[in-house]
């Protein structure tokens, strides 16, 4: 048997990253993973919000055009509110 077979992995190489102090400790990797998850959620919300904003802006522009046409002299356009 080789001596390497008798040693535990942490005795051959130091563990990568931070050593854990307890079962409930949050490491920097956990914090980064959580931050990236929050960024993904925010990006999805931003995408939806931007799409809604574009739609309402287009509706507002269209309504302004109709109101402008309705206020011209001799216009047959009536706005029911």
PDB file of N, CA and C in Angstrom:
ATOM      1  N   UNK A   1       0.830  -1.195   0.000  1.00  0.00           N
ATOM      2  CA  UNK A   1       0.000   0.000   0.000  1.00  0.00           C
ATOM      3  C   UNK A   1       0.871   1.254   0.000  1.00  0.00           C
ATOM      4  N   UNK A   2       0.424   2.202  -0.763  1.00  0.00           N
ATOM      5  CA  UNK A   2       1.146   3.464  -0.791  1.00  0.00           C
ATOM      6  C   UNK A   2       0.691   4.328   0.377  1.00  0.00           C
ATOM      7  N   UNK A   3       1.563   5.218   0.781  1.00  0.00           N
ATOM      8  CA  UNK A   3       1.234   6.084   1.915  1.00  0.00           C
ATOM      9  C   UNK A   3       0.074   7.024   1.585  1.00  0.00           C
ATOM     10  N   UNK A   4      -0.065   7.387   0.311  1.00  0.00           N
ATOM     11  CA  UNK A   4      -1.155   8.266  -0.118  1.00  0.00           C
ATOM     12  C   UNK A   4      -2.521   7.641   0.065  1.00  0.00           C
ATOM     13  N   UNK A   5      -2.610   6.308   0.017  1.00  0.00           N
ATOM     14  CA  UNK A   5      -3.894   5.628   0.194  1.00  0.00           C
ATOM     15  C   UNK A   5      -4.367   5.674   1.643  1.00  0.00           C
ATOM     16  N   UNK A   6      -3.445   5.809   2.574  1.00  0.00           N
ATOM     17  CA  UNK A   6      -3.805   5.797   3.993  1.00  0.00           C
ATOM     18  C   UNK A   6      -4.183   7.180   4.520  1.00  0.00           C
ATOM     19  N   UNK A   7      -3.834   8.212   3.773  1.00  0.00           N
ATOM     20  CA  UNK A   7      -4.102   9.576   4.231  1.00  0.00           C
ATOM     21  C   UNK A   7      -5.468  10.051   3.749  1.00  0.00           C
ATOM     22  N   UNK A   8      -6.095  10.848   4.575  1.00  0.00           N
ATOM     23  CA  UNK A   8      -7.362  11.473   4.185  1.00  0.00           C
ATOM     24  C   UNK A   8      -7.064  12.591   3.189  1.00  0.00           C
ATOM     25  N   UNK A   9      -8.042  12.958   2.339  1.00  0.00           N
ATOM     26  CA  UNK A   9      -7.784  14.006   1.333  1.00  0.00           C
ATOM     27  C   UNK A   9      -7.313  15.323   1.941  1.00  0.00           C
ATOM     28  N   UNK A  10      -7.874  15.710   3.107  1.00  0.00           N
ATOM     29  CA  UNK A  10      -7.462  16.986   3.703  1.00  0.00           C
ATOM     30  C   UNK A  10      -6.047  16.931   4.284  1.00  0.00           C
ATOM     31  N   UNK A  11      -5.523  15.720   4.480  1.00  0.00           N
ATOM     32  CA  UNK A  11      -4.143  15.600   4.946  1.00  0.00           C
ATOM     33  C   UNK A  11      -3.161  15.727   3.781  1.00  0.00           C
ATOM     34  N   UNK A  12      -3.610  15.438   2.585  1.00  0.00           N
ATOM     35  CA  UNK A  12      -2.754  15.549   1.402  1.00  0.00           C
ATOM     36  C   UNK A  12      -2.771  16.990   0.887  1.00  0.00           C
ATOM     37  N   UNK A  13      -3.963  17.540   0.687  1.00  0.00           N
ATOM     38  CA  UNK A  13      -4.132  18.917   0.213  1.00  0.00           C
ATOM     39  C   UNK A  13      -5.025  19.662   1.200  1.00  0.00           C
ATOM     40  N   UNK A  14      -4.731  20.934   1.405  1.00  0.00           N
ATOM     41  CA  UNK A  14      -5.595  21.736   2.270  1.00  0.00           C
ATOM     42  C   UNK A  14      -6.948  21.911   1.595  1.00  0.00           C
ATOM     43  N   UNK A  15      -8.025  21.967   2.382  1.00  0.00           N
ATOM     44  CA  UNK A  15      -9.335  22.178   1.764  1.00  0.00           C
ATOM     45  C   UNK A  15      -9.396  23.537   1.075  1.00  0.00           C
ATOM     46  N   UNK A  16     -10.050  23.582  -0.075  1.00  0.00           N
ATOM     47  CA  UNK A  16     -10.185  24.835  -0.818  1.00  0.00           C
ATOM     48  C   UNK A  16     -11.229  25.705  -0.146  1.00  0.00           C
ATOM     49  N   UNK A  17     -11.087  27.011  -0.266  1.00  0.00           N
ATOM     50  CA  UNK A  17     -12.070  27.931   0.296  1.00  0.00           C
ATOM     51  C   UNK A  17     -11.869  28.130   1.785  1.00  0.00           C
ATOM     52  N   UNK A  18     -12.918  28.635   2.423  1.00  0.00           N
ATOM     53  CA  UNK A  18     -12.836  28.929   3.853  1.00  0.00           C
ATOM     54  C   UNK A  18     -13.157  27.682   4.659  1.00  0.00           C
ATOM     55  N   UNK A  19     -12.475  27.501   5.782  1.00  0.00           N
ATOM     56  CA  UNK A  19     -12.860  26.367   6.642  1.00  0.00           C
ATOM     57  C   UNK A  19     -14.194  26.655   7.329  1.00  0.00           C
ATOM     58  N   UNK A  20     -15.064  25.665   7.391  1.00  0.00           N
ATOM     59  CA  UNK A  20     -16.370  25.847   8.025  1.00  0.00           C
ATOM     60  C   UNK A  20     -16.219  25.762   9.535  1.00  0.00           C
ATOM     61  N   UNK A  21     -16.895  26.685  10.238  1.00  0.00           N
ATOM     62  CA  UNK A  21     -16.835  26.678  11.698  1.00  0.00           C
ATOM     63  C   UNK A  21     -18.015  25.915  12.282  1.00  0.00           C
ATOM     64  N   UNK A  22     -19.082  25.790  11.510  1.00  0.00           N
ATOM     65  CA  UNK A  22     -20.259  25.086  12.000  1.00  0.00           C
ATOM     66  C   UNK A  22     -21.145  24.675  10.849  1.00  0.00           C
ATOM     67  N   UNK A  23     -22.198  23.936  11.155  1.00  0.00           N
ATOM     68  CA  UNK A  23     -23.087  23.434  10.102  1.00  0.00           C
ATOM     69  C   UNK A  23     -23.920  24.561   9.508  1.00  0.00           C
ATOM     70  N   UNK A  24     -24.151  25.634  10.280  1.00  0.00           N
ATOM     71  CA  UNK A  24     -25.040  26.701   9.812  1.00  0.00           C
ATOM     72  C   UNK A  24     -24.278  27.914   9.294  1.00  0.00           C
ATOM     73  N   UNK A  25     -22.965  27.842   9.216  1.00  0.00           N
ATOM     74  CA  UNK A  25     -22.192  28.999   8.772  1.00  0.00           C
ATOM     75  C   UNK A  25     -22.404  29.253   7.278  1.00  0.00           C
ATOM     76  N   UNK A  26     -22.515  30.525   6.932  1.00  0.00           N
ATOM     77  CA  UNK A  26     -22.678  30.925   5.534  1.00  0.00           C
ATOM     78  C   UNK A  26     -21.311  31.351   5.008  1.00  0.00           C
ATOM     79  N   UNK A  27     -20.847  30.703   3.961  1.00  0.00           N
ATOM     80  CA  UNK A  27     -19.531  31.014   3.397  1.00  0.00           C
ATOM     81  C   UNK A  27     -19.659  32.116   2.356  1.00  0.00           C
ATOM     82  N   UNK A  28     -18.526  32.601   1.887  1.00  0.00           N
ATOM     83  CA  UNK A  28     -18.540  33.643   0.855  1.00  0.00           C
ATOM     84  C   UNK A  28     -19.156  33.096  -0.433  1.00  0.00           C
ATOM     85  N   UNK A  29     -18.986  31.816  -0.703  1.00  0.00           N
ATOM     86  CA  UNK A  29     -19.600  31.197  -1.888  1.00  0.00           C
ATOM     87  C   UNK A  29     -21.118  31.216  -1.768  1.00  0.00           C
ATOM     88  N   UNK A  30     -21.617  30.914  -0.561  1.00  0.00           N
ATOM     89  CA  UNK A  30     -23.066  30.951  -0.341  1.00  0.00           C
ATOM     90  C   UNK A  30     -23.607  32.362  -0.530  1.00  0.00           C
ATOM     91  N   UNK A  31     -22.865  33.346   0.004  1.00  0.00           N
ATOM     92  CA  UNK A  31     -23.308  34.742  -0.136  1.00  0.00           C
ATOM     93  C   UNK A  31     -23.323  35.150  -1.603  1.00  0.00           C
ATOM     94  N   UNK A  32     -22.291  34.760  -2.359  1.00  0.00           N
ATOM     95  CA  UNK A  32     -22.221  35.103  -3.784  1.00  0.00           C
ATOM     96  C   UNK A  32     -23.366  34.441  -4.548  1.00  0.00           C
ATOM     97  N   UNK A  33     -23.629  33.169  -4.241  1.00  0.00           N
ATOM     98  CA  UNK A  33     -24.715  32.448  -4.903  1.00  0.00           C
ATOM     99  C   UNK A  33     -26.056  33.143  -4.630  1.00  0.00           C
ATOM    100  N   UNK A  34     -26.277  33.546  -3.380  1.00  0.00           N
ATOM    101  CA  UNK A  34     -27.529  34.217  -3.018  1.00  0.00           C
ATOM    102  C   UNK A  34     -27.635  35.576  -3.711  1.00  0.00           C
ATOM    103  N   UNK A  35     -26.523  36.320  -3.768  1.00  0.00           N
ATOM    104  CA  UNK A  35     -26.524  37.631  -4.420  1.00  0.00           C
ATOM    105  C   UNK A  35     -26.837  37.490  -5.910  1.00  0.00           C
ATOM    106  N   UNK A  36     -26.250  36.483  -6.553  1.00  0.00           N
ATOM    107  CA  UNK A  36     -26.521  36.255  -7.981  1.00  0.00           C
ATOM    108  C   UNK A  36     -27.976  35.873  -8.208  1.00  0.00           C
ATOM    109  N   UNK A  37     -28.542  35.090  -7.289  1.00  0.00           N
ATOM    110  CA  UNK A  37     -29.954  34.716  -7.396  1.00  0.00           C
ATOM    111  C   UNK A  37     -30.826  35.965  -7.313  1.00  0.00           C
ATOM    112  N   UNK A  38     -30.528  36.853  -6.361  1.00  0.00           N
ATOM    113  CA  UNK A  38     -31.293  38.092  -6.232  1.00  0.00           C
ATOM    114  C   UNK A  38     -31.149  38.953  -7.484  1.00  0.00           C
ATOM    115  N   UNK A  39     -29.944  38.976  -8.064  1.00  0.00           N
ATOM    116  CA  UNK A  39     -29.730  39.751  -9.286  1.00  0.00           C
ATOM    117  C   UNK A  39     -30.559  39.191 -10.438  1.00  0.00           C
ATOM    118  N   UNK A  40     -30.647  37.847 -10.535  1.00  0.00           N
ATOM    119  CA  UNK A  40     -31.474  37.230 -11.584  1.00  0.00           C
ATOM    120  C   UNK A  40     -32.940  37.604 -11.399  1.00  0.00           C
ATOM    121  N   UNK A  41     -33.418  37.567 -10.154  1.00  0.00           N
ATOM    122  CA  UNK A  41     -34.819  37.910  -9.875  1.00  0.00           C
ATOM    123  C   UNK A  41     -35.078  39.367 -10.232  1.00  0.00           C
ATOM    124  N   UNK A  42     -34.153  40.260  -9.828  1.00  0.00           N
ATOM    125  CA  UNK A  42     -34.323  41.686 -10.136  1.00  0.00           C
ATOM    126  C   UNK A  42     -34.317  41.933 -11.638  1.00  0.00           C
ATOM    127  N   UNK A  43     -33.450  41.245 -12.364  1.00  0.00           N
ATOM    128  CA  UNK A  43     -33.372  41.418 -13.821  1.00  0.00           C
ATOM    129  C   UNK A  43     -34.680  40.993 -14.478  1.00  0.00           C
ATOM    130  N   UNK A  44     -35.267  39.897 -13.999  1.00  0.00           N
ATOM    131  CA  UNK A  44     -36.538  39.425 -14.565  1.00  0.00           C
ATOM    132  C   UNK A  44     -37.644  40.435 -14.287  1.00  0.00           C
ATOM    133  N   UNK A  45     -37.681  40.969 -13.055  1.00  0.00           N
ATOM    134  CA  UNK A  45     -38.697  41.976 -12.714  1.00  0.00           C
ATOM    135  C   UNK A  45     -38.515  43.230 -13.557  1.00  0.00           C
ATOM    136  N   UNK A  46     -37.246  43.637 -13.750  1.00  0.00           N
ATOM    137  CA  UNK A  46     -36.962  44.833 -14.538  1.00  0.00           C
ATOM    138  C   UNK A  46     -37.422  44.645 -15.979  1.00  0.00           C
ATOM    139  N   UNK A  47     -37.199  43.449 -16.522  1.00  0.00           N
ATOM    140  CA  UNK A  47     -37.598  43.156 -17.898  1.00  0.00           C
ATOM    141  C   UNK A  47     -39.114  43.272 -18.054  1.00  0.00           C
ATOM    142  N   UNK A  48     -39.865  42.704 -17.109  1.00  0.00           N
ATOM    143  CA  UNK A  48     -41.335  42.770 -17.154  1.00  0.00           C
ATOM    144  C   UNK A  48     -41.800  44.211 -17.006  1.00  0.00           C
ATOM    145  N   UNK A  49     -41.189  44.932 -16.050  1.00  0.00           N
ATOM    146  CA  UNK A  49     -41.589  46.321 -15.791  1.00  0.00           C
ATOM    147  C   UNK A  49     -41.334  47.195 -17.016  1.00  0.00           C
ATOM    148  N   UNK A  50     -40.200  46.993 -17.694  1.00  0.00           N
ATOM    149  CA  UNK A  50     -39.888  47.767 -18.895  1.00  0.00           C
ATOM    150  C   UNK A  50     -40.889  47.472 -20.010  1.00  0.00           C
ATOM    151  N   UNK A  51     -41.276  46.199 -20.158  1.00  0.00           N
ATOM    152  CA  UNK A  51     -42.241  45.828 -21.194  1.00  0.00           C
ATOM    153  C   UNK A  51     -43.587  46.501 -20.933  1.00  0.00           C
ATOM    154  N   UNK A  52     -44.012  46.534 -19.675  1.00  0.00           N
ATOM    155  CA  UNK A  52     -45.284  47.184 -19.325  1.00  0.00           C
ATOM    156  C   UNK A  52     -45.186  48.683 -19.557  1.00  0.00           C
ATOM    157  N   UNK A  53     -44.033  49.284 -19.213  1.00  0.00           N
ATOM    158  CA  UNK A  53     -43.846  50.722 -19.390  1.00  0.00           C
ATOM    159  C   UNK A  53     -43.922  51.099 -20.867  1.00  0.00           C
ATOM    160  N   UNK A  54     -43.325  50.283 -21.729  1.00  0.00           N
ATOM    161  CA  UNK A  54     -43.372  50.559 -23.173  1.00  0.00           C
ATOM    162  C   UNK A  54     -44.813  50.503 -23.666  1.00  0.00           C
ATOM    163  N   UNK A  55     -45.556  49.488 -23.203  1.00  0.00           N
ATOM    164  CA  UNK A  55     -46.949  49.322 -23.628  1.00  0.00           C
ATOM    165  C   UNK A  55     -47.794  50.517 -23.190  1.00  0.00           C
ATOM    166  N   UNK A  56     -47.674  50.940 -21.925  1.00  0.00           N
ATOM    167  CA  UNK A  56     -48.481  52.063 -21.441  1.00  0.00           C
ATOM    168  C   UNK A  56     -48.068  53.363 -22.118  1.00  0.00           C
ATOM    169  N   UNK A  57     -46.765  53.498 -22.431  1.00  0.00           N
ATOM    170  CA  UNK A  57     -46.300  54.703 -23.121  1.00  0.00           C
ATOM    171  C   UNK A  57     -46.918  54.773 -24.521  1.00  0.00           C
ATOM    172  N   UNK A  58     -46.948  53.633 -25.220  1.00  0.00           N
ATOM    173  CA  UNK A  58     -47.566  53.590 -26.547  1.00  0.00           C
ATOM    174  C   UNK A  58     -49.050  53.928 -26.469  1.00  0.00           C
ATOM    175  N   UNK A  59     -49.732  53.407 -25.445  1.00  0.00           N
ATOM    176  CA  UNK A  59     -51.158  53.701 -25.275  1.00  0.00           C
ATOM    177  C   UNK A  59     -51.369  55.189 -25.019  1.00  0.00           C
ATOM    178  N   UNK A  60     -50.502  55.779 -24.191  1.00  0.00           N
ATOM    179  CA  UNK A  60     -50.616  57.203 -23.872  1.00  0.00           C
ATOM    180  C   UNK A  60     -50.413  58.055 -25.124  1.00  0.00           C
ATOM    181  N   UNK A  61     -49.445  57.682 -25.951  1.00  0.00           N
ATOM    182  CA  UNK A  61     -49.171  58.419 -27.193  1.00  0.00           C
ATOM    183  C   UNK A  61     -50.367  58.315 -28.138  1.00  0.00           C
ATOM    184  N   UNK A  62     -50.935  57.101 -28.259  1.00  0.00           N
ATOM    185  CA  UNK A  62     -52.092  56.901 -29.135  1.00  0.00           C
ATOM    186  C   UNK A  62     -53.283  57.719 -28.649  1.00  0.00           C
ATOM    187  N   UNK A  63     -53.515  57.742 -27.338  1.00  0.00           N
ATOM    188  CA  UNK A  63     -54.635  58.510 -26.788  1.00  0.00           C
ATOM    189  C   UNK A  63     -54.423  60.001 -27.009  1.00  0.00           C
ATOM    190  N   UNK A  64     -53.195  60.480 -26.872  1.00  0.00           N
ATOM    191  CA  UNK A  64     -52.896  61.894 -27.103  1.00  0.00           C
ATOM    192  C   UNK A  64     -53.179  62.272 -28.552  1.00  0.00           C
ATOM    193  N   UNK A  65     -52.865  61.345 -29.482  1.00  0.00           N
ATOM    194  CA  UNK A  65     -53.123  61.592 -30.902  1.00  0.00           C
ATOM    195  C   UNK A  65     -54.630  61.710 -31.165  1.00  0.00           C
ATOM    196  N   UNK A  66     -55.421  60.840 -30.535  1.00  0.00           N
ATOM    197  CA  UNK A  66     -56.883  60.873 -30.703  1.00  0.00           C
ATOM    198  C   UNK A  66     -57.461  62.154 -30.117  1.00  0.00           C
ATOM    199  N   UNK A  67     -56.992  62.551 -28.947  1.00  0.00           N
ATOM    200  CA  UNK A  67     -57.476  63.785 -28.310  1.00  0.00           C
ATOM    201  C   UNK A  67     -57.138  64.982 -29.189  1.00  0.00           C
ATOM    202  N   UNK A  68     -55.948  64.978 -29.773  1.00  0.00           N
ATOM    203  CA  UNK A  68     -55.532  66.071 -30.655  1.00  0.00           C
ATOM    204  C   UNK A  68     -56.462  66.150 -31.874  1.00  0.00           C
ATOM    205  N   UNK A  69     -56.789  64.974 -32.455  1.00  0.00           N
ATOM    206  CA  UNK A  69     -57.705  64.944 -33.604  1.00  0.00           C
ATOM    207  C   UNK A  69     -59.093  65.426 -33.200  1.00  0.00           C
ATOM    208  N   UNK A  70     -59.536  65.077 -31.997  1.00  0.00           N
ATOM    209  CA  UNK A  70     -60.882  65.428 -31.547  1.00  0.00           C
ATOM    210  C   UNK A  70     -61.028  66.926 -31.329  1.00  0.00           C
ATOM    211  N   UNK A  71     -59.955  67.611 -31.002  1.00  0.00           N
ATOM    212  CA  UNK A  71     -60.036  69.040 -30.716  1.00  0.00           C
ATOM    213  C   UNK A  71     -59.888  69.913 -31.960  1.00  0.00           C
ATOM    214  N   UNK A  72     -59.620  69.302 -33.106  1.00  0.00           N
ATOM    215  CA  UNK A  72     -59.505  70.093 -34.330  1.00  0.00           C
ATOM    216  C   UNK A  72     -60.892  70.577 -34.750  1.00  0.00           C
ATOM    217  N   UNK A  73     -60.971  71.758 -35.332  1.00  0.00           N
ATOM    218  CA  UNK A  73     -62.286  72.264 -35.764  1.00  0.00           C
ATOM    219  C   UNK A  73     -62.888  71.380 -36.864  1.00  0.00           C
ATOM    220  N   UNK A  74     -64.176  71.115 -36.741  1.00  0.00           N
ATOM    221  CA  UNK A  74     -64.880  70.295 -37.721  1.00  0.00           C
ATOM    222  C   UNK A  74     -64.635  68.813 -37.554  1.00  0.00           C
ATOM    223  N   UNK A  75     -64.060  68.397 -36.449  1.00  0.00           N
ATOM    224  CA  UNK A  75     -63.762  66.984 -36.239  1.00  0.00           C
ATOM    225  C   UNK A  75     -65.015  66.226 -35.838  1.00  0.00           C
ATOM    226  N   UNK A  76     -65.156  65.010 -36.357  1.00  0.00           N
ATOM    227  CA  UNK A  76     -66.295  64.154 -36.016  1.00  0.00           C
ATOM    228  C   UNK A  76     -65.931  63.177 -34.885  1.00  0.00           C
ATOM    229  N   UNK A  77     -64.683  63.247 -34.419  1.00  0.00           N
ATOM    230  CA  UNK A  77     -64.223  62.332 -33.371  1.00  0.00           C
ATOM    231  C   UNK A  77     -64.777  62.787 -32.029  1.00  0.00           C
ATOM    232  N   UNK A  78     -65.461  61.888 -31.339  1.00  0.00           N
ATOM    233  CA  UNK A  78     -66.003  62.182 -30.011  1.00  0.00           C
ATOM    234  C   UNK A  78     -65.291  61.291 -28.999  1.00  0.00           C
ATOM    235  N   UNK A  79     -64.953  61.851 -27.872  1.00  0.00           N
ATOM    236  CA  UNK A  79     -64.299  61.086 -26.812  1.00  0.00           C
ATOM    237  C   UNK A  79     -65.303  60.893 -25.684  1.00  0.00           C
ATOM    238  N   UNK A  80     -65.659  59.640 -25.417  1.00  0.00           N
ATOM    239  CA  UNK A  80     -66.575  59.316 -24.320  1.00  0.00           C
ATOM    240  C   UNK A  80     -65.734  58.973 -23.100  1.00  0.00           C
ATOM    241  N   UNK A  81     -65.984  59.675 -22.029  1.00  0.00           N
ATOM    242  CA  UNK A  81     -65.203  59.399 -20.810  1.00  0.00           C
ATOM    243  C   UNK A  81     -66.099  58.901 -19.724  1.00  0.00           C
TER     244      UNK A  81
END
